[in-house]
């Protein structure tokens, strides 16, 4: 398993998205949000992360709809469906 713990909330979201992740070993973490057309609308790279990570992302600039949240390390990618109201 890539992450020992992951929580993405609230989902559906009204603009602010919280991501809580625990990584067991030191890794680079990529956070991408992709729209229904496959376009990356948000990208962040966190380098040399280990332990608990908490990120809050402001998505109020995006139109309402369905998105995909990709969380990636060198070990793989976890994808979650995200609804923005």
PDB file of N, CA and C in Angstrom:
ATOM      1  N   UNK A   1       0.851  -1.192   0.000  1.00  0.00           N
ATOM      2  CA  UNK A   1       0.000   0.000   0.000  1.00  0.00           C
ATOM      3  C   UNK A   1       0.892   1.250   0.000  1.00  0.00           C
ATOM      4  N   UNK A   2       0.536   2.235  -0.811  1.00  0.00           N
ATOM      5  CA  UNK A   2       1.345   3.452  -0.947  1.00  0.00           C
ATOM      6  C   UNK A   2       1.298   4.285   0.332  1.00  0.00           C
ATOM      7  N   UNK A   3       0.109   4.441   0.880  1.00  0.00           N
ATOM      8  CA  UNK A   3      -0.093   5.286   2.061  1.00  0.00           C
ATOM      9  C   UNK A   3      -0.587   4.416   3.213  1.00  0.00           C
ATOM     10  N   UNK A   4      -0.070   4.642   4.408  1.00  0.00           N
ATOM     11  CA  UNK A   4      -0.576   3.885   5.550  1.00  0.00           C
ATOM     12  C   UNK A   4      -1.918   4.448   6.027  1.00  0.00           C
ATOM     13  N   UNK A   5      -2.177   5.728   5.701  1.00  0.00           N
ATOM     14  CA  UNK A   5      -3.468   6.344   6.050  1.00  0.00           C
ATOM     15  C   UNK A   5      -3.727   7.482   5.082  1.00  0.00           C
ATOM     16  N   UNK A   6      -4.980   7.584   4.657  1.00  0.00           N
ATOM     17  CA  UNK A   6      -5.364   8.706   3.794  1.00  0.00           C
ATOM     18  C   UNK A   6      -6.805   9.098   4.096  1.00  0.00           C
ATOM     19  N   UNK A   7      -7.036  10.409   4.134  1.00  0.00           N
ATOM     20  CA  UNK A   7      -8.372  10.941   4.335  1.00  0.00           C
ATOM     21  C   UNK A   7      -8.521  12.179   3.452  1.00  0.00           C
ATOM     22  N   UNK A   8      -9.579  12.196   2.637  1.00  0.00           N
ATOM     23  CA  UNK A   8      -9.875  13.331   1.762  1.00  0.00           C
ATOM     24  C   UNK A   8     -11.285  13.805   2.109  1.00  0.00           C
ATOM     25  N   UNK A   9     -11.395  15.047   2.566  1.00  0.00           N
ATOM     26  CA  UNK A   9     -12.708  15.535   3.026  1.00  0.00           C
ATOM     27  C   UNK A   9     -12.782  17.052   2.886  1.00  0.00           C
ATOM     28  N   UNK A  10     -13.938  17.661   2.833  1.00  0.00           N
ATOM     29  CA  UNK A  10     -15.226  16.994   2.602  1.00  0.00           C
ATOM     30  C   UNK A  10     -15.358  16.601   1.129  1.00  0.00           C
ATOM     31  N   UNK A  11     -16.116  15.604   0.877  1.00  0.00           N
ATOM     32  CA  UNK A  11     -16.391  15.178  -0.491  1.00  0.00           C
ATOM     33  C   UNK A  11     -17.832  14.697  -0.540  1.00  0.00           C
ATOM     34  N   UNK A  12     -18.727  15.476  -1.135  1.00  0.00           N
ATOM     35  CA  UNK A  12     -18.492  16.635  -1.983  1.00  0.00           C
ATOM     36  C   UNK A  12     -17.961  17.851  -1.216  1.00  0.00           C
ATOM     37  N   UNK A  13     -17.238  18.688  -1.962  1.00  0.00           N
ATOM     38  CA  UNK A  13     -16.616  19.881  -1.405  1.00  0.00           C
ATOM     39  C   UNK A  13     -17.284  21.123  -1.976  1.00  0.00           C
ATOM     40  N   UNK A  14     -17.256  22.196  -1.194  1.00  0.00           N
ATOM     41  CA  UNK A  14     -17.785  23.481  -1.656  1.00  0.00           C
ATOM     42  C   UNK A  14     -16.675  24.471  -1.953  1.00  0.00           C
ATOM     43  N   UNK A  15     -15.443  23.988  -2.027  1.00  0.00           N
ATOM     44  CA  UNK A  15     -14.338  24.879  -2.361  1.00  0.00           C
ATOM     45  C   UNK A  15     -13.048  24.531  -1.671  1.00  0.00           C
ATOM     46  N   UNK A  16     -13.100  24.200  -0.374  1.00  0.00           N
ATOM     47  CA  UNK A  16     -11.887  23.835   0.351  1.00  0.00           C
ATOM     48  C   UNK A  16     -11.819  22.316   0.498  1.00  0.00           C
ATOM     49  N   UNK A  17     -10.684  21.760   0.140  1.00  0.00           N
ATOM     50  CA  UNK A  17     -10.478  20.314   0.222  1.00  0.00           C
ATOM     51  C   UNK A  17      -9.332  20.043   1.182  1.00  0.00           C
ATOM     52  N   UNK A  18      -9.536  19.128   2.117  1.00  0.00           N
ATOM     53  CA  UNK A  18      -8.512  18.732   3.077  1.00  0.00           C
ATOM     54  C   UNK A  18      -8.002  17.340   2.727  1.00  0.00           C
ATOM     55  N   UNK A  19      -6.689  17.188   2.749  1.00  0.00           N
ATOM     56  CA  UNK A  19      -6.069  15.896   2.490  1.00  0.00           C
ATOM     57  C   UNK A  19      -5.141  15.590   3.653  1.00  0.00           C
ATOM     58  N   UNK A  20      -5.389  14.475   4.340  1.00  0.00           N
ATOM     59  CA  UNK A  20      -4.522  13.998   5.425  1.00  0.00           C
ATOM     60  C   UNK A  20      -3.933  12.670   4.976  1.00  0.00           C
ATOM     61  N   UNK A  21      -2.610  12.583   4.961  1.00  0.00           N
ATOM     62  CA  UNK A  21      -1.912  11.392   4.490  1.00  0.00           C
ATOM     63  C   UNK A  21      -0.808  11.044   5.480  1.00  0.00           C
ATOM     64  N   UNK A  22      -0.581   9.758   5.680  1.00  0.00           N
ATOM     65  CA  UNK A  22       0.579   9.307   6.426  1.00  0.00           C
ATOM     66  C   UNK A  22       1.435   8.444   5.509  1.00  0.00           C
ATOM     67  N   UNK A  23       2.696   8.836   5.362  1.00  0.00           N
ATOM     68  CA  UNK A  23       3.671   8.085   4.566  1.00  0.00           C
ATOM     69  C   UNK A  23       4.649   7.419   5.526  1.00  0.00           C
ATOM     70  N   UNK A  24       4.873   6.125   5.336  1.00  0.00           N
ATOM     71  CA  UNK A  24       5.756   5.374   6.230  1.00  0.00           C
ATOM     72  C   UNK A  24       7.228   5.629   5.973  1.00  0.00           C
ATOM     73  N   UNK A  25       7.572   6.009   4.732  1.00  0.00           N
ATOM     74  CA  UNK A  25       8.979   6.273   4.432  1.00  0.00           C
ATOM     75  C   UNK A  25       9.107   7.550   3.620  1.00  0.00           C
ATOM     76  N   UNK A  26      10.296   8.100   3.615  1.00  0.00           N
ATOM     77  CA  UNK A  26      10.588   9.365   2.951  1.00  0.00           C
ATOM     78  C   UNK A  26      10.354   9.248   1.452  1.00  0.00           C
ATOM     79  N   UNK A  27       9.446  10.085   0.908  1.00  0.00           N
ATOM     80  CA  UNK A  27       9.110  10.046  -0.504  1.00  0.00           C
ATOM     81  C   UNK A  27       8.717  11.432  -0.988  1.00  0.00           C
ATOM     82  N   UNK A  28       8.734  11.598  -2.308  1.00  0.00           N
ATOM     83  CA  UNK A  28       8.160  12.785  -2.934  1.00  0.00           C
ATOM     84  C   UNK A  28       6.689  12.476  -3.198  1.00  0.00           C
ATOM     85  N   UNK A  29       5.825  13.459  -2.961  1.00  0.00           N
ATOM     86  CA  UNK A  29       4.390  13.280  -3.143  1.00  0.00           C
ATOM     87  C   UNK A  29       3.892  14.271  -4.184  1.00  0.00           C
ATOM     88  N   UNK A  30       3.207  13.756  -5.191  1.00  0.00           N
ATOM     89  CA  UNK A  30       2.578  14.593  -6.209  1.00  0.00           C
ATOM     90  C   UNK A  30       1.082  14.624  -5.955  1.00  0.00           C
ATOM     91  N   UNK A  31       0.519  15.833  -5.980  1.00  0.00           N
ATOM     92  CA  UNK A  31      -0.929  16.008  -5.835  1.00  0.00           C
ATOM     93  C   UNK A  31      -1.426  16.653  -7.122  1.00  0.00           C
ATOM     94  N   UNK A  32      -2.345  15.971  -7.801  1.00  0.00           N
ATOM     95  CA  UNK A  32      -2.920  16.518  -9.035  1.00  0.00           C
ATOM     96  C   UNK A  32      -4.434  16.424  -8.956  1.00  0.00           C
ATOM     97  N   UNK A  33      -5.092  17.449  -9.478  1.00  0.00           N
ATOM     98  CA  UNK A  33      -6.538  17.401  -9.649  1.00  0.00           C
ATOM     99  C   UNK A  33      -6.802  17.546 -11.134  1.00  0.00           C
ATOM    100  N   UNK A  34      -7.594  16.611 -11.654  1.00  0.00           N
ATOM    101  CA  UNK A  34      -7.833  16.508 -13.090  1.00  0.00           C
ATOM    102  C   UNK A  34      -9.321  16.669 -13.351  1.00  0.00           C
ATOM    103  N   UNK A  35      -9.674  17.478 -14.355  1.00  0.00           N
ATOM    104  CA  UNK A  35     -11.083  17.676 -14.684  1.00  0.00           C
ATOM    105  C   UNK A  35     -11.600  16.549 -15.579  1.00  0.00           C
ATOM    106  N   UNK A  36     -12.862  16.607 -15.947  1.00  0.00           N
ATOM    107  CA  UNK A  36     -13.489  15.541 -16.737  1.00  0.00           C
ATOM    108  C   UNK A  36     -12.947  15.459 -18.161  1.00  0.00           C
ATOM    109  N   UNK A  37     -12.226  16.490 -18.607  1.00  0.00           N
ATOM    110  CA  UNK A  37     -11.609  16.479 -19.936  1.00  0.00           C
ATOM    111  C   UNK A  37     -10.187  15.926 -19.896  1.00  0.00           C
ATOM    112  N   UNK A  38      -9.721  15.550 -18.704  1.00  0.00           N
ATOM    113  CA  UNK A  38      -8.374  15.022 -18.564  1.00  0.00           C
ATOM    114  C   UNK A  38      -7.304  16.084 -18.380  1.00  0.00           C
ATOM    115  N   UNK A  39      -7.727  17.326 -18.170  1.00  0.00           N
ATOM    116  CA  UNK A  39      -6.782  18.435 -17.993  1.00  0.00           C
ATOM    117  C   UNK A  39      -6.403  18.571 -16.514  1.00  0.00           C
ATOM    118  N   UNK A  40      -5.127  18.773 -16.259  1.00  0.00           N
ATOM    119  CA  UNK A  40      -4.656  19.000 -14.891  1.00  0.00           C
ATOM    120  C   UNK A  40      -4.985  20.449 -14.513  1.00  0.00           C
ATOM    121  N   UNK A  41      -5.833  20.618 -13.501  1.00  0.00           N
ATOM    122  CA  UNK A  41      -6.251  21.962 -13.082  1.00  0.00           C
ATOM    123  C   UNK A  41      -5.573  22.396 -11.783  1.00  0.00           C
ATOM    124  N   UNK A  42      -4.887  21.459 -11.125  1.00  0.00           N
ATOM    125  CA  UNK A  42      -4.133  21.774  -9.913  1.00  0.00           C
ATOM    126  C   UNK A  42      -2.973  20.791  -9.828  1.00  0.00           C
ATOM    127  N   UNK A  43      -1.795  21.301  -9.468  1.00  0.00           N
ATOM    128  CA  UNK A  43      -0.617  20.455  -9.338  1.00  0.00           C
ATOM    129  C   UNK A  43       0.238  20.972  -8.200  1.00  0.00           C
ATOM    130  N   UNK A  44       0.684  20.070  -7.362  1.00  0.00           N
ATOM    131  CA  UNK A  44       1.598  20.439  -6.277  1.00  0.00           C
ATOM    132  C   UNK A  44       2.551  19.277  -6.059  1.00  0.00           C
ATOM    133  N   UNK A  45       3.809  19.591  -5.805  1.00  0.00           N
ATOM    134  CA  UNK A  45       4.813  18.572  -5.529  1.00  0.00           C
ATOM    135  C   UNK A  45       5.427  18.855  -4.169  1.00  0.00           C
ATOM    136  N   UNK A  46       5.339  17.872  -3.289  1.00  0.00           N
ATOM    137  CA  UNK A  46       5.923  17.973  -1.952  1.00  0.00           C
ATOM    138  C   UNK A  46       7.118  17.037  -1.911  1.00  0.00           C
ATOM    139  N   UNK A  47       8.295  17.562  -1.601  1.00  0.00           N
ATOM    140  CA  UNK A  47       9.527  16.782  -1.663  1.00  0.00           C
ATOM    141  C   UNK A  47       9.947  16.270  -0.290  1.00  0.00           C
ATOM    142  N   UNK A  48      10.478  15.058  -0.282  1.00  0.00           N
ATOM    143  CA  UNK A  48      11.059  14.446   0.927  1.00  0.00           C
ATOM    144  C   UNK A  48      10.088  14.446   2.104  1.00  0.00           C
ATOM    145  N   UNK A  49       8.924  13.859   1.882  1.00  0.00           N
ATOM    146  CA  UNK A  49       7.871  13.825   2.900  1.00  0.00           C
ATOM    147  C   UNK A  49       7.909  12.481   3.618  1.00  0.00           C
ATOM    148  N   UNK A  50       7.797  12.515   4.936  1.00  0.00           N
ATOM    149  CA  UNK A  50       7.639  11.294   5.719  1.00  0.00           C
ATOM    150  C   UNK A  50       6.743  11.615   6.908  1.00  0.00           C
ATOM    151  N   UNK A  51       5.944  10.648   7.323  1.00  0.00           N
ATOM    152  CA  UNK A  51       5.044  10.859   8.446  1.00  0.00           C
ATOM    153  C   UNK A  51       3.724  11.452   7.981  1.00  0.00           C
ATOM    154  N   UNK A  52       3.137  12.261   8.842  1.00  0.00           N
ATOM    155  CA  UNK A  52       1.812  12.806   8.581  1.00  0.00           C
ATOM    156  C   UNK A  52       1.899  14.104   7.783  1.00  0.00           C
ATOM    157  N   UNK A  53       1.063  14.194   6.750  1.00  0.00           N
ATOM    158  CA  UNK A  53       0.994  15.379   5.897  1.00  0.00           C
ATOM    159  C   UNK A  53      -0.450  15.866   5.883  1.00  0.00           C
ATOM    160  N   UNK A  54      -0.634  17.159   6.080  1.00  0.00           N
ATOM    161  CA  UNK A  54      -1.965  17.769   5.986  1.00  0.00           C
ATOM    162  C   UNK A  54      -1.889  18.912   4.988  1.00  0.00           C
ATOM    163  N   UNK A  55      -2.716  18.812   3.971  1.00  0.00           N
ATOM    164  CA  UNK A  55      -2.780  19.850   2.940  1.00  0.00           C
ATOM    165  C   UNK A  55      -4.210  20.352   2.845  1.00  0.00           C
ATOM    166  N   UNK A  56      -4.371  21.652   2.692  1.00  0.00           N
ATOM    167  CA  UNK A  56      -5.683  22.229   2.410  1.00  0.00           C
ATOM    168  C   UNK A  56      -5.573  22.944   1.073  1.00  0.00           C
ATOM    169  N   UNK A  57      -6.450  22.572   0.152  1.00  0.00           N
ATOM    170  CA  UNK A  57      -6.415  23.110  -1.204  1.00  0.00           C
ATOM    171  C   UNK A  57      -7.688  23.901  -1.451  1.00  0.00           C
ATOM    172  N   UNK A  58      -7.523  25.121  -1.928  1.00  0.00           N
ATOM    173  CA  UNK A  58      -8.664  25.988  -2.262  1.00  0.00           C
ATOM    174  C   UNK A  58      -9.037  25.749  -3.724  1.00  0.00           C
ATOM    175  N   UNK A  59     -10.232  25.197  -3.930  1.00  0.00           N
ATOM    176  CA  UNK A  59     -10.712  24.885  -5.279  1.00  0.00           C
ATOM    177  C   UNK A  59     -11.851  25.795  -5.719  1.00  0.00           C
ATOM    178  N   UNK A  60     -12.020  26.923  -5.039  1.00  0.00           N
ATOM    179  CA  UNK A  60     -13.142  27.805  -5.347  1.00  0.00           C
ATOM    180  C   UNK A  60     -13.051  28.404  -6.746  1.00  0.00           C
ATOM    181  N   UNK A  61     -11.857  28.370  -7.362  1.00  0.00           N
ATOM    182  CA  UNK A  61     -11.684  28.915  -8.713  1.00  0.00           C
ATOM    183  C   UNK A  61     -12.193  27.950  -9.790  1.00  0.00           C
ATOM    184  N   UNK A  62     -12.509  26.722  -9.403  1.00  0.00           N
ATOM    185  CA  UNK A  62     -12.966  25.721 -10.378  1.00  0.00           C
ATOM    186  C   UNK A  62     -14.477  25.694 -10.485  1.00  0.00           C
ATOM    187  N   UNK A  63     -15.010  25.399 -11.677  1.00  0.00           N
ATOM    188  CA  UNK A  63     -16.458  25.245 -11.812  1.00  0.00           C
ATOM    189  C   UNK A  63     -16.936  23.974 -11.110  1.00  0.00           C
ATOM    190  N   UNK A  64     -18.204  23.952 -10.751  1.00  0.00           N
ATOM    191  CA  UNK A  64     -18.795  22.762 -10.145  1.00  0.00           C
ATOM    192  C   UNK A  64     -18.670  21.590 -11.102  1.00  0.00           C
ATOM    193  N   UNK A  65     -18.499  20.397 -10.540  1.00  0.00           N
ATOM    194  CA  UNK A  65     -18.418  19.219 -11.388  1.00  0.00           C
ATOM    195  C   UNK A  65     -17.667  18.088 -10.732  1.00  0.00           C
ATOM    196  N   UNK A  66     -17.340  17.087 -11.544  1.00  0.00           N
ATOM    197  CA  UNK A  66     -16.623  15.903 -11.083  1.00  0.00           C
ATOM    198  C   UNK A  66     -15.151  16.023 -11.490  1.00  0.00           C
ATOM    199  N   UNK A  67     -14.287  15.746 -10.551  1.00  0.00           N
ATOM    200  CA  UNK A  67     -12.850  15.805 -10.755  1.00  0.00           C
ATOM    201  C   UNK A  67     -12.227  14.522 -10.216  1.00  0.00           C
ATOM    202  N   UNK A  68     -10.955  14.337 -10.531  1.00  0.00           N
ATOM    203  CA  UNK A  68     -10.217  13.211  -9.984  1.00  0.00           C
ATOM    204  C   UNK A  68      -8.981  13.738  -9.275  1.00  0.00           C
ATOM    205  N   UNK A  69      -8.793  13.257  -8.062  1.00  0.00           N
ATOM    206  CA  UNK A  69      -7.632  13.610  -7.262  1.00  0.00           C
ATOM    207  C   UNK A  69      -6.632  12.467  -7.384  1.00  0.00           C
ATOM    208  N   UNK A  70      -5.441  12.752  -7.892  1.00  0.00           N
ATOM    209  CA  UNK A  70      -4.366  11.771  -7.990  1.00  0.00           C
ATOM    210  C   UNK A  70      -3.303  12.105  -6.966  1.00  0.00           C
ATOM    211  N   UNK A  71      -2.965  11.132  -6.147  1.00  0.00           N
ATOM    212  CA  UNK A  71      -1.891  11.259  -5.170  1.00  0.00           C
ATOM    213  C   UNK A  71      -0.835  10.240  -5.560  1.00  0.00           C
ATOM    214  N   UNK A  72       0.350  10.711  -5.904  1.00  0.00           N
ATOM    215  CA  UNK A  72       1.347   9.801  -6.433  1.00  0.00           C
ATOM    216  C   UNK A  72       2.681   9.865  -5.724  1.00  0.00           C
ATOM    217  N   UNK A  73       3.314   8.707  -5.629  1.00  0.00           N
ATOM    218  CA  UNK A  73       4.694   8.586  -5.185  1.00  0.00           C
ATOM    219  C   UNK A  73       5.403   7.713  -6.217  1.00  0.00           C
ATOM    220  N   UNK A  74       6.676   7.455  -5.999  1.00  0.00           N
ATOM    221  CA  UNK A  74       7.395   6.591  -6.944  1.00  0.00           C
ATOM    222  C   UNK A  74       6.862   5.159  -6.911  1.00  0.00           C
ATOM    223  N   UNK A  75       6.081   4.820  -5.890  1.00  0.00           N
ATOM    224  CA  UNK A  75       5.525   3.480  -5.761  1.00  0.00           C
ATOM    225  C   UNK A  75       4.188   3.316  -6.481  1.00  0.00           C
ATOM    226  N   UNK A  76       3.581   4.422  -6.925  1.00  0.00           N
ATOM    227  CA  UNK A  76       2.309   4.316  -7.619  1.00  0.00           C
ATOM    228  C   UNK A  76       1.424   5.521  -7.385  1.00  0.00           C
ATOM    229  N   UNK A  77       0.227   5.440  -7.950  1.00  0.00           N
ATOM    230  CA  UNK A  77      -0.742   6.539  -7.876  1.00  0.00           C
ATOM    231  C   UNK A  77      -2.049   6.021  -7.294  1.00  0.00           C
ATOM    232  N   UNK A  78      -2.609   6.788  -6.378  1.00  0.00           N
ATOM    233  CA  UNK A  78      -3.934   6.531  -5.846  1.00  0.00           C
ATOM    234  C   UNK A  78      -4.848   7.600  -6.420  1.00  0.00           C
ATOM    235  N   UNK A  79      -5.978   7.175  -6.999  1.00  0.00           N
ATOM    236  CA  UNK A  79      -6.917   8.109  -7.610  1.00  0.00           C
ATOM    237  C   UNK A  79      -8.229   8.074  -6.858  1.00  0.00           C
ATOM    238  N   UNK A  80      -8.787   9.253  -6.583  1.00  0.00           N
ATOM    239  CA  UNK A  80     -10.076   9.361  -5.905  1.00  0.00           C
ATOM    240  C   UNK A  80     -10.975  10.306  -6.672  1.00  0.00           C
ATOM    241  N   UNK A  81     -12.247   9.939  -6.776  1.00  0.00           N
ATOM    242  CA  UNK A  81     -13.248  10.797  -7.399  1.00  0.00           C
ATOM    243  C   UNK A  81     -13.601  11.918  -6.431  1.00  0.00           C
ATOM    244  N   UNK A  82     -13.697  13.123  -6.960  1.00  0.00           N
ATOM    245  CA  UNK A  82     -13.955  14.304  -6.143  1.00  0.00           C
ATOM    246  C   UNK A  82     -15.110  15.075  -6.781  1.00  0.00           C
ATOM    247  N   UNK A  83     -16.076  15.440  -5.962  1.00  0.00           N
ATOM    248  CA  UNK A  83     -17.219  16.221  -6.447  1.00  0.00           C
ATOM    249  C   UNK A  83     -17.136  17.615  -5.860  1.00  0.00           C
ATOM    250  N   UNK A  84     -17.216  18.616  -6.740  1.00  0.00           N
ATOM    251  CA  UNK A  84     -17.164  20.008  -6.328  1.00  0.00           C
ATOM    252  C   UNK A  84     -18.546  20.622  -6.550  1.00  0.00           C
ATOM    253  N   UNK A  85     -19.180  21.053  -5.455  1.00  0.00           N
ATOM    254  CA  UNK A  85     -20.516  21.662  -5.529  1.00  0.00           C
ATOM    255  C   UNK A  85     -20.438  23.171  -5.535  1.00  0.00           C
TER     256      UNK A  85
END
